[in-house]
Amino acid sequence: MKAIHVKEPGGPEAMLLVDVPTPAPGPRQALVRVAASGVNFIDVYFRTGLYKADSPITIGSEAAGTVEAVGSEVTLVAPGDRVAYAMVRGSYAEYALVAEEQLVKLPGTVDFESAAAAMLQGMTAHYLTHSTFPLAAGQTCLVHAAAGGAGRLIAQMAKARGARVLGTVSSPEKAVIAVAAGVDHAINYTGTSFDTEVRRITDGAGVDVVYDSVGKTTFDKSMACLRPRGMLVLFGQSSGSVAPLDPQVLNTRGSIFLTRPNLGHHLLTREELLWRAGDVLTAVERGTLNLHIDRTYPLAGAADAHRDLESRRSTGKLLLIP
């Protein structure tokens, strides 16, 4: 089968399309024929070596496809089932081995591309808005990269929970996209200091929570946007890692809270996976959660997908189609 491997961490060119044997499932595994694989910043972190992994590094953390074969003890899925998954590396490939308890079956009208676009970013938006800082009606949040794949889903879920949504974008065109996703105030950070604008919009009060996937370049100003006892949720670092922090800063900023969560810690049981994935996929099926698939690429185009993701030329989800 064809797969993307990284022998040495580096730029997009480090991803190599290689031929490897098609794996056989273990007792509690399923072999999934990948129909679509999502492209995410976590893939960039593994490719560059920011997140450590043994060589050759397999890339890709979510996909949708069809169960091709199952191990001898599998009971949750069967050959022919349409499934999706997230947080299992190796989805940049024609086939992937996945533990049965990490697979969810797709609702009948949800296609493979939509499922692959929804799983990782959709469940991320779900845990951020439902668990890390459970938004309530009347609260205000700030979402960075609000026109991106994750940002658009966070904004939609935040609005569904009754919150007021502020979002940062890098261009007027992206502001239009963000507003269409439910953002009440789109802030173009290239023309203004977003923390100053947040304070203006909130009459100096600040926001209850900042959902920050950017990291290094936004971190300090994100803290400045918070109300006393507000929360900064740093769930990504697309601009680089944040410098070490003296906890006293949290005090001087207003007894604020800081957390650095990840999706894996919010999928600790199968029940939790089925809850989050079920909410997301049901919303996609009903049309209450709108996805935007910006571009698709063949496996051989993985490097181009990463370049587009890192350059911020995309305004939605990027997919690889094996």
Protein backbone atom coordinates (compact mmCIF):
# COMPACT_ATOMS: atom_id res chain seq x y z
CA MET A 1 0.00 0.00 0.00
CA LYS A 2 1.00 3.65 -0.35
CA ALA A 3 1.67 5.69 2.77
CA ILE A 4 3.38 8.89 3.86
CA HIS A 5 6.44 8.42 6.09
CA VAL A 6 8.92 10.88 7.56
CA LYS A 7 12.42 9.50 8.07
CA GLU A 8 13.89 12.68 9.55
CA PRO A 9 11.86 15.61 10.94
CA GLY A 10 11.82 18.64 8.70
CA GLY A 11 9.79 20.71 6.27
CA PRO A 12 6.94 19.53 4.07
CA GLU A 13 9.46 17.92 1.72
CA ALA A 14 10.37 15.48 4.52
CA MET A 15 7.12 13.61 3.85
CA LEU A 16 7.83 10.73 1.48
CA LEU A 17 5.31 8.61 -0.40
CA VAL A 18 6.46 5.04 0.14
CA ASP A 19 5.31 1.49 -0.54
CA VAL A 20 4.82 -0.58 2.61
CA PRO A 21 3.10 -3.92 3.26
CA THR A 22 -0.61 -3.72 3.99
CA PRO A 23 -0.88 -4.59 7.71
CA ALA A 24 -3.02 -7.37 9.15
CA PRO A 25 -5.30 -6.59 12.10
CA GLY A 26 -4.49 -7.90 15.55
CA PRO A 27 -7.14 -9.56 17.70
CA ARG A 28 -8.90 -6.31 18.71
CA GLN A 29 -8.06 -4.24 15.61
CA ALA A 30 -9.76 -3.40 12.33
CA LEU A 31 -8.13 -2.70 9.00
CA VAL A 32 -9.73 0.42 7.53
CA ARG A 33 -9.52 1.28 3.84
CA VAL A 34 -9.05 5.04 4.07
CA ALA A 35 -11.37 7.10 1.89
CA ALA A 36 -10.36 10.52 3.25
CA SER A 37 -7.82 11.72 5.79
CA GLY A 38 -7.90 15.04 7.59
CA VAL A 39 -4.93 17.42 7.59
CA ASN A 40 -4.29 19.12 10.94
CA PHE A 41 -1.61 21.12 12.73
CA ILE A 42 -0.86 18.12 14.94
CA ASP A 43 0.47 16.48 11.77
CA VAL A 44 2.84 19.41 11.31
CA TYR A 45 4.01 19.06 14.93
CA PHE A 46 4.95 15.41 14.33
CA ARG A 47 6.53 16.16 10.95
CA THR A 48 8.77 18.88 12.37
CA GLY A 49 9.72 16.92 15.49
CA LEU A 50 7.94 19.27 17.90
CA TYR A 51 6.04 16.16 19.01
CA LYS A 52 8.43 13.23 19.33
CA ALA A 53 7.90 9.89 17.61
CA ASP A 54 10.05 6.99 16.52
CA SER A 55 11.34 6.92 12.92
CA PRO A 56 9.87 6.40 10.42
CA ILE A 57 7.22 8.83 11.62
CA THR A 58 3.72 8.06 10.40
CA ILE A 59 1.56 11.12 9.80
CA GLY A 60 -2.16 11.83 10.00
CA SER A 61 -4.49 11.58 12.98
CA GLU A 62 -8.02 11.20 11.59
CA ALA A 63 -9.77 9.47 8.73
CA ALA A 64 -12.98 7.95 7.46
CA GLY A 65 -13.35 4.83 5.38
CA THR A 66 -14.59 1.25 5.20
CA VAL A 67 -13.68 -1.66 7.45
CA GLU A 68 -11.79 -4.11 5.24
CA ALA A 69 -10.99 -6.83 7.78
CA VAL A 70 -11.20 -7.39 11.53
CA GLY A 71 -9.27 -9.30 14.16
CA SER A 72 -10.47 -12.48 15.81
CA GLU A 73 -11.88 -10.76 18.93
CA VAL A 74 -13.54 -7.74 17.32
CA THR A 75 -17.23 -7.28 18.14
CA LEU A 76 -17.90 -3.57 17.67
CA VAL A 77 -17.46 -3.33 13.88
CA ALA A 78 -17.58 -5.69 10.91
CA PRO A 79 -16.21 -5.73 7.35
CA GLY A 80 -18.15 -3.30 5.19
CA ASP A 81 -18.97 -0.88 8.01
CA ARG A 82 -18.51 2.82 7.24
CA VAL A 83 -16.43 4.27 10.06
CA ALA A 84 -14.39 7.24 11.20
CA TYR A 85 -11.78 7.86 13.88
CA ALA A 86 -9.40 10.42 15.33
CA MET A 87 -6.24 10.51 17.46
CA VAL A 88 -4.69 7.43 15.82
CA ARG A 89 -1.55 8.27 13.85
CA GLY A 90 -0.97 6.89 10.37
CA SER A 91 -4.02 8.08 8.43
CA TYR A 92 -1.92 9.44 5.53
CA ALA A 93 -2.14 6.03 3.90
CA GLU A 94 -4.36 3.79 1.82
CA TYR A 95 -5.04 1.52 4.81
CA ALA A 96 -4.83 2.00 8.58
CA LEU A 97 -4.98 -0.27 11.61
CA VAL A 98 -7.30 1.06 14.31
CA ALA A 99 -8.32 -0.43 17.64
CA GLU A 100 -12.01 -1.30 17.44
CA GLU A 101 -12.92 0.84 20.47
CA GLN A 102 -11.62 3.95 18.68
CA LEU A 103 -13.91 3.54 15.68
CA VAL A 104 -17.35 5.10 15.35
CA LYS A 105 -19.91 4.11 12.75
CA LEU A 106 -21.11 6.84 10.41
CA PRO A 107 -24.74 7.94 10.19
CA GLY A 108 -26.23 6.92 6.87
CA THR A 109 -26.15 10.30 5.13
CA VAL A 110 -22.72 11.48 6.32
CA ASP A 111 -20.19 10.95 3.53
CA PHE A 112 -16.54 10.03 4.06
CA GLU A 113 -15.13 13.48 3.30
CA SER A 114 -17.51 15.17 5.74
CA ALA A 115 -16.70 12.61 8.43
CA ALA A 116 -12.95 13.05 7.96
CA ALA A 117 -13.41 16.82 8.11
CA ALA A 118 -15.47 16.64 11.29
CA MET A 119 -13.83 14.15 13.60
CA LEU A 120 -10.70 15.76 15.06
CA GLN A 121 -11.64 19.42 14.76
CA GLY A 122 -15.30 18.76 15.57
CA MET A 123 -14.54 16.82 18.74
CA THR A 124 -11.93 19.44 19.64
CA ALA A 125 -14.55 22.17 19.35
CA HIS A 126 -16.90 20.00 21.38
CA TYR A 127 -14.59 19.44 24.34
CA LEU A 128 -13.48 23.08 24.35
CA THR A 129 -17.02 24.47 24.48
CA HIS A 130 -18.67 21.67 26.47
CA SER A 131 -15.98 20.55 28.94
CA THR A 132 -12.84 22.70 29.24
CA PHE A 133 -14.84 25.91 29.53
CA PRO A 134 -18.53 24.96 29.23
CA LEU A 135 -20.01 28.05 27.65
CA ALA A 136 -23.37 29.33 28.85
CA ALA A 137 -25.84 31.85 27.51
CA GLY A 138 -24.67 35.41 28.09
CA GLN A 139 -20.97 34.62 28.23
CA THR A 140 -18.43 35.96 25.73
CA CYS A 141 -15.56 34.07 24.10
CA LEU A 142 -12.70 34.99 21.81
CA VAL A 143 -11.77 32.46 19.12
CA HIS A 144 -8.46 32.81 17.31
CA ALA A 145 -8.18 31.79 13.64
CA ALA A 146 -11.95 32.01 13.47
CA ALA A 147 -12.10 31.40 9.71
CA GLY A 148 -10.05 28.20 9.92
CA GLY A 149 -11.32 24.66 10.15
CA ALA A 150 -11.37 24.42 13.96
CA GLY A 151 -12.24 28.08 14.52
CA ARG A 152 -15.40 27.88 12.42
CA LEU A 153 -16.63 24.85 14.37
CA ILE A 154 -15.83 26.42 17.75
CA ALA A 155 -17.75 29.54 16.73
CA GLN A 156 -20.78 27.52 15.67
CA MET A 157 -20.86 25.48 18.87
CA ALA A 158 -20.34 28.59 20.99
CA LYS A 159 -23.31 30.30 19.32
CA ALA A 160 -25.42 27.17 19.76
CA ARG A 161 -24.73 27.42 23.50
CA GLY A 162 -25.89 31.05 23.58
CA ALA A 163 -22.51 32.77 23.84
CA ARG A 164 -21.36 35.98 22.18
CA VAL A 165 -18.44 35.18 19.88
CA LEU A 166 -15.50 37.40 19.00
CA GLY A 167 -13.03 36.02 16.46
CA THR A 168 -9.67 37.03 15.03
CA VAL A 169 -8.93 36.80 11.31
CA SER A 170 -6.13 37.92 9.00
CA SER A 171 -8.08 39.52 6.14
CA PRO A 172 -11.43 41.10 5.24
CA GLU A 173 -12.26 38.00 3.20
CA LYS A 174 -11.74 35.77 6.22
CA ALA A 175 -13.85 38.14 8.32
CA VAL A 176 -16.80 37.42 6.02
CA ILE A 177 -16.24 33.67 6.46
CA ALA A 178 -16.03 34.01 10.23
CA VAL A 179 -19.24 36.02 10.46
CA ALA A 180 -21.02 33.40 8.34
CA ALA A 181 -19.90 30.80 10.91
CA GLY A 182 -21.53 32.75 13.74
CA VAL A 183 -18.86 35.20 14.87
CA ASP A 184 -20.52 38.37 16.17
CA HIS A 185 -17.41 40.55 15.88
CA ALA A 186 -14.61 39.61 13.46
CA ILE A 187 -11.35 41.36 14.37
CA ASN A 188 -8.73 41.71 11.62
CA TYR A 189 -5.52 41.49 13.64
CA THR A 190 -3.39 42.77 10.74
CA GLY A 191 -4.95 46.20 11.03
CA THR A 192 -5.50 46.55 14.77
CA SER A 193 -4.29 45.19 18.09
CA PHE A 194 -6.85 42.51 18.84
CA ASP A 195 -6.63 42.90 22.63
CA THR A 196 -7.41 46.60 22.35
CA GLU A 197 -10.34 45.84 20.09
CA VAL A 198 -11.66 43.17 22.47
CA ARG A 199 -11.59 45.64 25.34
CA ARG A 200 -13.43 48.18 23.19
CA ILE A 201 -16.13 45.72 22.13
CA THR A 202 -16.66 44.50 25.70
CA ASP A 203 -16.64 48.03 27.20
CA GLY A 204 -13.45 47.18 29.06
CA ALA A 205 -14.82 44.07 30.75
CA GLY A 206 -12.89 41.46 28.78
CA VAL A 207 -14.06 38.02 27.70
CA ASP A 208 -14.84 34.96 29.80
CA VAL A 209 -12.61 32.63 27.78
CA VAL A 210 -10.08 32.73 24.94
CA TYR A 211 -9.74 29.66 22.74
CA ASP A 212 -6.19 30.03 21.41
CA SER A 213 -4.75 27.64 18.83
CA VAL A 214 -1.98 30.02 17.73
CA GLY A 215 0.32 30.16 20.74
CA LYS A 216 3.51 32.19 20.66
CA THR A 217 2.34 35.28 18.78
CA THR A 218 -1.04 35.63 20.51
CA PHE A 219 -0.43 34.36 24.04
CA ASP A 220 0.33 37.61 25.92
CA LYS A 221 -2.45 39.57 24.25
CA SER A 222 -4.86 36.70 24.81
CA MET A 223 -4.28 37.03 28.54
CA ALA A 224 -4.91 40.77 28.25
CA CYS A 225 -8.35 40.03 26.77
CA LEU A 226 -9.64 38.15 29.80
CA ARG A 227 -11.95 39.38 32.52
CA PRO A 228 -10.89 38.70 36.12
CA ARG A 229 -11.02 34.94 36.73
CA GLY A 230 -11.35 34.31 32.99
CA MET A 231 -9.71 31.33 31.31
CA LEU A 232 -7.09 31.11 28.56
CA VAL A 233 -7.44 27.78 26.78
CA LEU A 234 -4.26 27.19 24.80
CA PHE A 235 -5.08 24.19 22.62
CA GLY A 236 -2.52 24.66 19.84
CA GLN A 237 0.66 26.43 18.88
CA SER A 238 0.61 27.06 15.15
CA SER A 239 2.93 30.07 15.53
CA GLY A 240 5.34 28.28 17.87
CA SER A 241 5.70 27.26 21.48
CA VAL A 242 4.90 29.70 24.27
CA ALA A 243 7.82 30.76 26.48
CA PRO A 244 7.99 29.56 30.10
CA LEU A 245 5.58 31.46 32.34
CA ASP A 246 5.88 32.72 35.91
CA PRO A 247 2.58 31.71 37.59
CA GLN A 248 2.52 35.10 39.32
CA VAL A 249 1.46 36.54 35.94
CA LEU A 250 -1.89 34.78 36.34
CA ASN A 251 -2.41 36.69 39.59
CA THR A 252 -1.49 40.10 38.21
CA ARG A 253 -3.75 39.55 35.19
CA GLY A 254 -6.78 39.11 37.45
CA SER A 255 -6.52 35.63 39.01
CA ILE A 256 -7.00 34.17 35.54
CA PHE A 257 -6.83 30.48 34.67
CA LEU A 258 -4.57 28.84 32.09
CA THR A 259 -4.97 25.35 30.67
CA ARG A 260 -3.25 23.43 27.88
CA PRO A 261 -5.67 20.61 26.98
CA ASN A 262 -5.66 18.08 24.18
CA LEU A 263 -8.31 15.91 22.58
CA GLY A 264 -6.84 12.61 23.74
CA HIS A 265 -7.45 13.50 27.37
CA HIS A 266 -11.10 14.16 26.51
CA LEU A 267 -11.62 10.75 24.91
CA LEU A 268 -10.57 8.61 27.87
CA THR A 269 -13.45 6.15 27.57
CA ARG A 270 -15.48 4.76 24.70
CA GLU A 271 -18.55 6.34 26.23
CA GLU A 272 -16.91 9.76 26.02
CA LEU A 273 -15.85 9.11 22.40
CA LEU A 274 -19.38 8.08 21.43
CA TRP A 275 -20.83 11.15 23.16
CA ARG A 276 -18.53 13.65 21.44
CA ALA A 277 -18.44 11.97 18.04
CA GLY A 278 -22.17 11.30 18.20
CA ASP A 279 -22.96 14.95 18.92
CA VAL A 280 -20.68 16.11 16.10
CA LEU A 281 -21.77 13.64 13.43
CA THR A 282 -25.45 14.05 14.28
CA ALA A 283 -25.11 17.81 13.93
CA VAL A 284 -23.39 17.34 10.56
CA GLU A 285 -26.16 14.99 9.43
CA ARG A 286 -28.88 17.45 10.51
CA GLY A 287 -27.11 20.41 8.95
CA THR A 288 -26.77 22.29 12.23
CA LEU A 289 -22.96 22.07 12.10
CA ASN A 290 -21.70 23.38 8.79
CA LEU A 291 -18.40 22.11 7.46
CA HIS A 292 -16.28 23.81 4.85
CA ILE A 293 -13.88 21.57 2.96
CA ASP A 294 -11.48 24.01 1.38
CA ARG A 295 -9.32 21.67 -0.70
CA THR A 296 -8.53 18.02 -1.31
CA TYR A 297 -5.21 16.53 -2.37
CA PRO A 298 -3.94 13.11 -3.41
CA LEU A 299 -1.57 11.34 -1.00
CA ALA A 300 1.34 12.46 -3.17
CA GLY A 301 0.23 16.05 -2.53
CA ALA A 302 0.65 15.88 1.26
CA ALA A 303 3.52 18.37 1.15
CA ASP A 304 1.36 20.88 -0.73
CA ALA A 305 -1.40 20.43 1.86
CA HIS A 306 1.03 21.21 4.68
CA ARG A 307 2.39 24.26 2.87
CA ASP A 308 -1.13 25.59 2.40
CA LEU A 309 -2.00 24.89 6.04
CA GLU A 310 1.11 26.54 7.45
CA SER A 311 0.88 29.58 5.17
CA ARG A 312 -2.70 30.24 6.32
CA ARG A 313 -3.91 30.21 2.73
CA SER A 314 -6.74 27.87 3.68
CA THR A 315 -10.14 28.89 5.07
CA GLY A 316 -11.49 25.50 6.01
CA LYS A 317 -10.64 21.83 6.16
CA LEU A 318 -7.92 20.23 4.04
CA LEU A 319 -8.21 16.55 3.14
CA LEU A 320 -6.03 13.89 1.55
CA ILE A 321 -7.80 11.42 -0.71
CA PRO A 322 -5.75 8.18 -1.13
